[in-house]
């Protein structure tokens, strides 16, 4: 059911009659869709950041579901949904772990770019132009659900988290990647990355929408999610290399397990 359409250009309204999408955010990222896979494009910083994040996930996710990370296809027989997949820079490499992998995004242009890149690379991954509430309305669930660098861009965080939570099977894993709302993150992610160094297009982020780890935990608790770990994704200013570790004062990954 999850994979019946490679690209499905349709949205479904939520039960409340509106969606969790912020149209301004979708328009901004749609304009940048072609930049995602360019190593020296608008998101060149994201590629180095993403490489560290993907290495960590490729090692950690199999262990969390009781699989050997060193196996040829450690997630074979499982299902993954990447919510807010962009052009697939996380979805595509994770699909190579063997799970049936679906990436969904609210920006149709992102999905088209992702599907085209996957086709050229021979990657076994599906994409849909859809929202998490669309997939949840179809009663679809997966063993692993990710939503990376998305929660700080949605119109209604509480409802978005509820829709994403519904996609995780009991006993399954949820991974959220976002930015912590701290003074340090304002200096690094807004002033530094966007205005001084130009690593990201100006206006990519709104610091007021950054989310503290404790806030995510509060939102997920009613859905029977227990925190597993919170790890920072940190840039070493001396080596200019990204690593997993340290205090999550700026970028972080938070992993949860849904209780049966």
Protein backbone atom coordinates (compact mmCIF):
# COMPACT_ATOMS: atom_id res chain seq x y z
CA UNK A 1 0.00 0.00 0.00
CA UNK A 2 2.76 2.46 0.81
CA UNK A 3 4.38 1.97 -2.55
CA UNK A 4 1.42 1.97 -4.94
CA UNK A 5 2.48 5.29 -6.54
CA UNK A 6 6.06 6.38 -7.17
CA UNK A 7 4.97 10.01 -7.25
CA UNK A 8 1.44 10.84 -6.18
CA UNK A 9 0.66 14.55 -6.70
CA UNK A 10 -2.22 14.86 -4.29
CA UNK A 11 -2.95 16.24 -0.84
CA UNK A 12 -5.67 15.31 1.59
CA UNK A 13 -7.09 17.80 4.07
CA UNK A 14 -6.89 16.94 7.74
CA UNK A 15 -10.00 16.09 9.71
CA UNK A 16 -10.03 19.68 10.94
CA UNK A 17 -10.24 20.87 7.34
CA UNK A 18 -6.72 22.24 7.01
CA UNK A 19 -3.19 20.88 6.72
CA UNK A 20 0.00 21.16 8.74
CA UNK A 21 1.74 22.80 5.78
CA UNK A 22 3.13 26.32 5.90
CA UNK A 23 2.74 27.49 2.26
CA UNK A 24 5.58 30.02 2.54
CA UNK A 25 8.00 27.32 3.70
CA UNK A 26 6.94 24.96 0.91
CA UNK A 27 7.38 27.69 -1.69
CA UNK A 28 10.86 28.49 -0.40
CA UNK A 29 12.08 24.91 -0.58
CA UNK A 30 10.38 24.28 -3.92
CA UNK A 31 12.44 27.09 -5.43
CA UNK A 32 15.59 25.39 -4.16
CA UNK A 33 14.67 21.82 -5.17
CA UNK A 34 17.27 21.60 -7.93
CA UNK A 35 20.05 22.56 -5.48
CA UNK A 36 19.74 19.57 -3.14
CA UNK A 37 22.04 17.16 -4.99
CA UNK A 38 24.62 19.76 -6.09
CA UNK A 39 27.77 19.39 -3.93
CA UNK A 40 28.60 23.08 -4.48
CA UNK A 41 25.03 24.38 -4.62
CA UNK A 42 22.92 26.31 -2.12
CA UNK A 43 22.98 23.35 0.28
CA UNK A 44 26.68 22.49 0.08
CA UNK A 45 26.98 22.69 3.88
CA UNK A 46 24.10 20.24 4.20
CA UNK A 47 25.99 17.55 2.28
CA UNK A 48 28.80 17.36 4.85
CA UNK A 49 26.29 17.57 7.70
CA UNK A 50 24.16 14.89 6.04
CA UNK A 51 27.07 12.52 5.54
CA UNK A 52 27.73 12.42 9.29
CA UNK A 53 24.04 11.99 10.03
CA UNK A 54 23.57 9.18 7.49
CA UNK A 55 26.62 7.27 8.77
CA UNK A 56 25.21 7.39 12.27
CA UNK A 57 21.71 6.29 11.19
CA UNK A 58 23.02 3.45 9.03
CA UNK A 59 24.84 2.08 12.08
CA UNK A 60 22.32 2.89 14.81
CA UNK A 61 18.97 2.00 13.21
CA UNK A 62 19.76 -1.68 12.62
CA UNK A 63 20.93 -2.04 16.22
CA UNK A 64 17.72 -0.44 17.51
CA UNK A 65 15.57 -3.00 15.68
CA UNK A 66 17.72 -5.97 16.67
CA UNK A 67 19.64 -6.33 13.42
CA UNK A 68 23.35 -6.62 12.70
CA UNK A 69 24.60 -3.28 11.27
CA UNK A 70 27.35 -5.18 9.43
CA UNK A 71 24.92 -7.43 7.55
CA UNK A 72 24.59 -6.95 3.81
CA UNK A 73 20.99 -5.71 4.04
CA UNK A 74 20.40 -5.18 7.76
CA UNK A 75 16.89 -3.75 7.41
CA UNK A 76 15.54 -6.28 4.89
CA UNK A 77 11.87 -7.07 5.50
CA UNK A 78 11.19 -3.79 7.33
CA UNK A 79 9.58 -0.54 6.17
CA UNK A 80 10.80 3.05 6.44
CA UNK A 81 8.93 6.31 5.90
CA UNK A 82 10.93 9.53 5.59
CA UNK A 83 8.56 12.45 6.28
CA UNK A 84 9.69 15.67 4.63
CA UNK A 85 12.26 13.85 2.54
CA UNK A 86 13.27 16.84 0.41
CA UNK A 87 15.14 15.55 -2.64
CA UNK A 88 15.97 12.26 -0.92
CA UNK A 89 19.46 12.92 0.41
CA UNK A 90 18.69 10.77 3.48
CA UNK A 91 15.95 8.57 2.01
CA UNK A 92 18.05 7.23 -0.83
CA UNK A 93 21.10 6.08 1.18
CA UNK A 94 18.88 4.52 3.86
CA UNK A 95 17.02 2.55 1.20
CA UNK A 96 20.26 0.69 0.52
CA UNK A 97 19.94 -0.99 3.93
CA UNK A 98 17.26 -3.21 2.43
CA UNK A 99 14.01 -1.85 3.88
CA UNK A 100 11.06 -0.88 1.70
CA UNK A 101 11.55 2.86 1.79
CA UNK A 102 9.08 5.65 1.11
CA UNK A 103 9.90 9.35 1.07
CA UNK A 104 7.08 11.90 1.27
CA UNK A 105 7.26 15.66 0.95
CA UNK A 106 4.84 18.58 0.81
CA UNK A 107 6.76 20.17 -2.09
CA UNK A 108 5.99 18.38 -5.33
CA UNK A 109 9.16 19.65 -6.98
CA UNK A 110 11.29 18.03 -4.26
CA UNK A 111 9.58 14.70 -4.89
CA UNK A 112 10.14 14.90 -8.64
CA UNK A 113 13.84 15.68 -8.15
CA UNK A 114 14.17 12.84 -5.61
CA UNK A 115 12.47 10.30 -7.87
CA UNK A 116 14.58 11.32 -10.86
CA UNK A 117 17.82 11.00 -8.87
CA UNK A 118 16.79 7.59 -7.50
CA UNK A 119 15.99 6.37 -11.00
CA UNK A 120 19.39 7.47 -12.31
CA UNK A 121 21.16 5.79 -9.37
CA UNK A 122 19.11 2.61 -9.55
CA UNK A 123 17.95 3.10 -5.96
CA UNK A 124 14.99 1.00 -4.80
CA UNK A 125 13.00 3.78 -3.14
CA UNK A 126 9.53 5.24 -3.69
CA UNK A 127 8.36 8.83 -3.33
CA UNK A 128 4.99 10.48 -2.91
CA UNK A 129 3.90 14.09 -2.93
CA UNK A 130 1.97 13.82 0.33
CA UNK A 131 1.69 14.92 3.94
CA UNK A 132 1.97 12.63 6.99
CA UNK A 133 -1.74 13.09 7.59
CA UNK A 134 -2.42 11.70 4.11
CA UNK A 135 -0.49 8.52 4.87
CA UNK A 136 -1.95 8.25 8.37
CA UNK A 137 -5.48 8.55 6.92
CA UNK A 138 -4.72 5.42 4.88
CA UNK A 139 -3.83 3.56 8.12
CA UNK A 140 -0.30 2.95 6.87
CA UNK A 141 2.54 2.42 9.32
CA UNK A 142 6.26 1.62 9.20
CA UNK A 143 8.88 0.10 11.46
CA UNK A 144 11.07 3.21 11.23
CA UNK A 145 9.83 6.75 10.64
CA UNK A 146 12.11 9.75 10.22
CA UNK A 147 11.40 13.45 10.01
CA UNK A 148 14.64 15.39 9.69
CA UNK A 149 14.92 19.17 9.64
CA UNK A 150 11.15 19.45 9.21
CA UNK A 151 9.50 20.20 12.55
CA UNK A 152 10.92 23.73 12.61
CA UNK A 153 9.10 24.50 9.36
CA UNK A 154 5.54 23.22 9.97
CA UNK A 155 2.47 25.35 10.63
CA UNK A 156 1.14 23.37 13.61
CA UNK A 157 3.79 21.40 15.49
CA UNK A 158 1.40 19.57 17.84
CA UNK A 159 -0.77 18.24 15.05
CA UNK A 160 2.21 17.43 12.85
CA UNK A 161 3.81 15.36 15.63
CA UNK A 162 0.50 13.56 16.14
CA UNK A 163 0.28 12.63 12.46
CA UNK A 164 3.89 11.46 12.34
CA UNK A 165 3.45 9.45 15.55
CA UNK A 166 0.52 7.61 13.97
CA UNK A 167 2.82 6.32 11.22
CA UNK A 168 5.03 4.35 13.64
CA UNK A 169 4.11 0.75 14.36
CA UNK A 170 3.97 -0.29 18.02
CA UNK A 171 7.52 -1.17 18.99
CA UNK A 172 8.84 0.89 16.09
CA UNK A 173 11.38 3.69 15.98
CA UNK A 174 10.87 7.42 15.39
CA UNK A 175 13.81 9.70 14.57
CA UNK A 176 13.43 13.48 14.69
CA UNK A 177 16.21 15.80 13.61
CA UNK A 178 15.93 19.52 14.25
CA UNK A 179 17.54 22.58 15.85
CA UNK A 180 17.46 23.43 19.52
CA UNK A 181 16.11 26.86 20.47
CA UNK A 182 19.10 28.23 22.36
CA UNK A 183 21.18 31.42 22.20
CA UNK A 184 24.00 29.34 20.71
CA UNK A 185 21.79 28.08 17.89
CA UNK A 186 20.75 31.64 17.05
CA UNK A 187 24.38 32.66 16.70
CA UNK A 188 25.47 29.55 14.79
CA UNK A 189 22.48 28.67 12.62
CA UNK A 190 21.05 32.12 11.86
CA UNK A 191 23.76 34.77 12.17
CA UNK A 192 26.70 32.53 11.28
CA UNK A 193 25.39 30.01 8.74
CA UNK A 194 22.96 32.30 6.90
CA UNK A 195 24.23 35.88 7.22
CA UNK A 196 27.99 35.80 7.81
CA UNK A 197 29.25 32.60 6.15
CA UNK A 198 26.44 32.19 3.64
CA UNK A 199 26.35 28.40 4.12
CA UNK A 200 22.55 28.43 3.84
CA UNK A 201 20.20 30.77 1.93
CA UNK A 202 19.05 33.66 4.10
CA UNK A 203 15.64 33.01 5.59
CA UNK A 204 16.06 29.22 5.61
CA UNK A 205 15.26 29.17 9.32
CA UNK A 206 13.20 31.11 11.84
CA UNK A 207 14.85 30.76 15.26
CA UNK A 208 11.51 31.15 17.02
CA UNK A 209 10.42 27.85 15.45
CA UNK A 210 13.39 25.86 16.72
CA UNK A 211 12.29 23.11 19.11
CA UNK A 212 13.81 22.09 22.43
CA UNK A 213 14.28 18.34 23.04
CA UNK A 214 12.04 18.47 26.11
CA UNK A 215 9.24 20.00 24.04
CA UNK A 216 9.31 17.07 21.61
CA UNK A 217 9.24 14.63 24.49
CA UNK A 218 6.18 16.36 25.94
CA UNK A 219 4.37 16.25 22.59
CA UNK A 220 5.14 12.56 22.03
CA UNK A 221 4.36 11.28 25.53
CA UNK A 222 0.56 11.08 24.96
CA UNK A 223 1.24 8.86 21.93
CA UNK A 224 3.16 6.33 24.07
CA UNK A 225 6.64 7.17 22.84
CA UNK A 226 9.61 6.68 25.11
CA UNK A 227 12.88 8.54 24.47
CA UNK A 228 15.84 6.35 23.58
CA UNK A 229 18.58 8.93 23.09
CA UNK A 230 19.37 12.50 22.09
CA UNK A 231 22.62 13.17 20.23
CA UNK A 232 24.14 16.34 18.86
CA UNK A 233 25.23 16.79 15.26
CA UNK A 234 28.12 19.15 15.73
CA UNK A 235 30.64 20.97 13.55
CA UNK A 236 34.23 21.00 14.77
CA UNK A 237 35.41 24.54 13.91
CA UNK A 238 39.07 23.44 13.85
CA UNK A 239 38.72 20.54 11.43
CA UNK A 240 35.47 21.77 9.79
CA UNK A 241 34.14 18.22 10.09
CA UNK A 242 30.72 17.22 11.34
CA UNK A 243 30.46 14.61 14.07
CA UNK A 244 27.87 12.98 16.29
CA UNK A 245 28.38 13.87 19.94
CA UNK A 246 28.66 16.72 22.38
CA UNK A 247 25.89 18.84 23.86
CA UNK A 248 22.81 19.30 21.63
CA UNK A 249 22.92 23.09 21.73
CA UNK A 250 22.26 23.49 18.00
CA UNK A 251 21.51 20.52 15.69
CA UNK A 252 20.40 17.27 17.26
CA UNK A 253 18.80 13.90 16.57
CA UNK A 254 16.26 12.50 18.98
CA UNK A 255 15.24 8.85 18.83
CA UNK A 256 12.06 7.37 20.31
CA UNK A 257 10.45 3.95 20.53
CA UNK A 258 6.67 3.55 20.38
CA UNK A 259 5.43 1.36 23.21
CA UNK A 260 3.20 -1.62 22.33
